[in-house]
Protein backbone atom coordinates (compact mmCIF):
# COMPACT_ATOMS: atom_id res chain seq x y z
CA MET A 1 185.04 161.30 -48.58
CA LYS A 2 183.60 157.77 -47.73
CA GLN A 3 180.23 158.62 -49.10
CA ASP A 4 181.81 159.73 -52.43
CA ALA A 5 183.45 156.36 -52.68
CA GLN A 6 180.24 154.66 -51.80
CA GLU A 7 178.19 156.64 -54.53
CA GLN A 8 180.89 155.49 -57.01
CA GLN A 9 180.60 152.06 -56.36
CA ILE A 10 176.63 151.97 -56.84
CA LYS A 11 175.67 151.18 -60.22
CA GLN A 12 172.98 153.45 -61.69
CA ILE A 13 169.85 151.77 -62.90
CA ASP A 14 168.88 151.94 -66.36
CA LEU A 15 165.23 152.41 -65.94
CA ALA A 16 164.35 152.56 -69.73
CA LYS A 17 165.96 148.78 -70.18
CA LEU A 18 164.38 147.64 -66.81
CA ARG A 19 161.00 148.75 -68.43
CA LYS A 20 161.69 147.20 -71.69
CA ASP A 21 162.80 143.78 -69.90
CA LEU A 22 159.62 143.68 -67.76
CA GLN A 23 157.51 144.56 -70.81
CA THR A 24 159.05 141.42 -72.63
CA ILE A 25 158.60 139.28 -69.66
CA MET A 26 154.98 140.49 -69.15
CA TYR A 27 154.19 139.92 -72.96
CA GLU A 28 155.53 136.41 -72.69
CA ILE A 29 153.39 135.58 -69.63
CA ASP A 30 150.36 137.20 -71.13
CA SER A 31 150.54 135.65 -74.39
CA THR A 32 151.73 132.08 -73.76
CA PRO A 33 149.25 129.58 -72.75
CA ALA A 34 149.84 128.16 -69.12
CA GLY A 35 151.01 124.79 -70.10
CA VAL A 36 153.36 126.13 -72.81
CA LEU A 37 155.46 128.10 -70.11
CA ASP A 38 157.07 124.84 -69.15
CA ALA A 39 158.59 124.80 -72.76
CA TYR A 40 161.03 127.41 -71.66
CA SER A 41 162.34 126.16 -68.24
CA PRO A 42 160.22 125.37 -65.24
CA HIS A 43 163.12 126.35 -63.30
CA MET A 44 163.72 129.77 -64.77
CA TRP A 45 159.84 130.70 -64.24
CA LEU A 46 159.95 129.39 -60.65
CA ARG A 47 163.04 131.65 -60.02
CA LEU A 48 161.57 134.53 -61.74
CA GLN A 49 158.32 134.09 -59.55
CA LYS A 50 160.54 133.90 -56.27
CA THR A 51 162.67 136.81 -57.19
CA THR A 52 159.81 139.23 -58.13
CA GLU A 53 157.92 138.06 -55.16
CA LYS A 54 160.79 139.15 -52.91
CA VAL A 55 161.17 142.38 -54.62
CA ALA A 56 157.73 143.27 -54.33
CA THR A 57 157.65 142.43 -50.78
CA ALA A 58 160.62 144.75 -50.24
CA ILE A 59 158.84 147.53 -51.93
CA ASN A 60 155.72 147.15 -50.07
CA ALA A 61 157.59 146.84 -46.55
CA VAL A 62 159.71 150.03 -47.18
CA ARG A 63 156.68 152.02 -48.64
CA LEU A 64 154.59 151.07 -45.49
CA ARG A 65 157.53 151.92 -42.96
CA LEU A 66 157.97 155.36 -44.82
CA SER A 67 154.23 155.92 -44.26
CA GLY A 68 154.49 155.64 -40.78
CA LYS A 69 153.43 151.96 -39.88
CA THR A 70 155.68 150.17 -37.48
CA CYS A 71 157.73 146.99 -38.44
CA ALA A 72 155.33 144.80 -36.31
CA GLU A 73 152.12 146.17 -38.22
CA ILE A 74 153.90 145.53 -41.49
CA ALA A 75 155.11 142.13 -40.45
CA THR A 76 151.52 141.40 -39.54
CA ASP A 77 150.17 142.99 -42.92
CA LEU A 78 152.58 141.14 -45.12
CA GLY A 79 153.09 137.81 -43.22
CA LEU A 80 156.67 138.37 -42.45
CA THR A 81 158.69 138.62 -39.24
CA LYS A 82 159.62 142.05 -37.46
CA ARG A 83 163.25 141.09 -38.56
CA GLN A 84 162.36 140.52 -42.25
CA VAL A 85 160.84 144.08 -42.18
CA ALA A 86 163.64 145.68 -40.33
CA GLY A 87 166.11 144.14 -42.64
CA TYR A 88 164.16 145.33 -45.79
CA VAL A 89 163.93 148.72 -44.55
CA ALA A 90 167.58 149.04 -43.29
CA TRP A 91 168.85 147.55 -46.67
CA ASN A 92 166.63 149.74 -48.94
CA THR A 93 167.22 152.80 -47.06
CA MET A 94 170.81 152.72 -46.31
CA LEU A 95 172.01 154.84 -48.94
CA GLN A 96 170.06 157.58 -47.73
CA PRO A 97 171.96 158.85 -44.79
CA GLY A 98 169.66 161.68 -44.33
CA TRP A 99 166.38 159.66 -44.19
CA ILE A 100 164.37 159.87 -40.98
CA SER A 101 160.88 158.54 -40.48
CA PRO A 102 158.01 160.89 -41.00
CA ALA A 103 157.02 160.18 -37.12
CA ALA A 104 160.56 161.31 -36.24
CA LYS A 105 160.34 164.54 -38.65
CA ARG A 106 157.10 165.45 -36.84
CA ASP A 107 158.77 165.13 -33.45
CA LEU A 108 161.82 167.19 -34.54
CA SER A 109 159.49 169.98 -35.85
CA GLU A 110 157.47 170.12 -32.50
CA VAL A 111 158.69 171.28 -29.10
CA ILE A 112 156.80 171.07 -25.74
CA CYS A 113 156.76 174.57 -24.31
CA ASP A 114 154.71 175.12 -20.93
CA GLY A 115 153.31 171.70 -20.99
CA SER A 116 151.82 171.81 -24.72
CA VAL A 117 153.16 170.89 -27.99
CA HIS A 118 153.91 173.59 -30.36
CA THR A 119 155.52 173.74 -33.74
CA VAL A 120 159.10 174.96 -34.15
CA GLU A 121 157.87 177.87 -36.23
CA ALA A 122 155.39 179.08 -33.67
CA VAL A 123 157.80 178.96 -30.95
CA ASN A 124 160.29 180.98 -33.09
CA ALA A 125 157.63 183.62 -33.92
């Protein structure tokens, strides 16, 4: 019941609109001489740069974690603290209650039998 209420509170992303908006921004960046960007608002461009940097960093941190890297390795790779990486991963995977790391999935699919590691399928056969 609690998860149903949570799902209702989550706004769905309109990917078509997001793509269109990003294309508009990239068109402006690509077609405007560097000195003219200030004509819009230096504050707006700086805010956009900082926001996109944070989003890209979060995406990279989560992808690296899902690929099996540790928070410490990711922190070193991305120039972050381990807490930042852990925060990005926790925040961006919190809506997936069934998520477990690839390493944990491997551990769950293997059992130790007679001192050696076997897959669950091999033991059950």
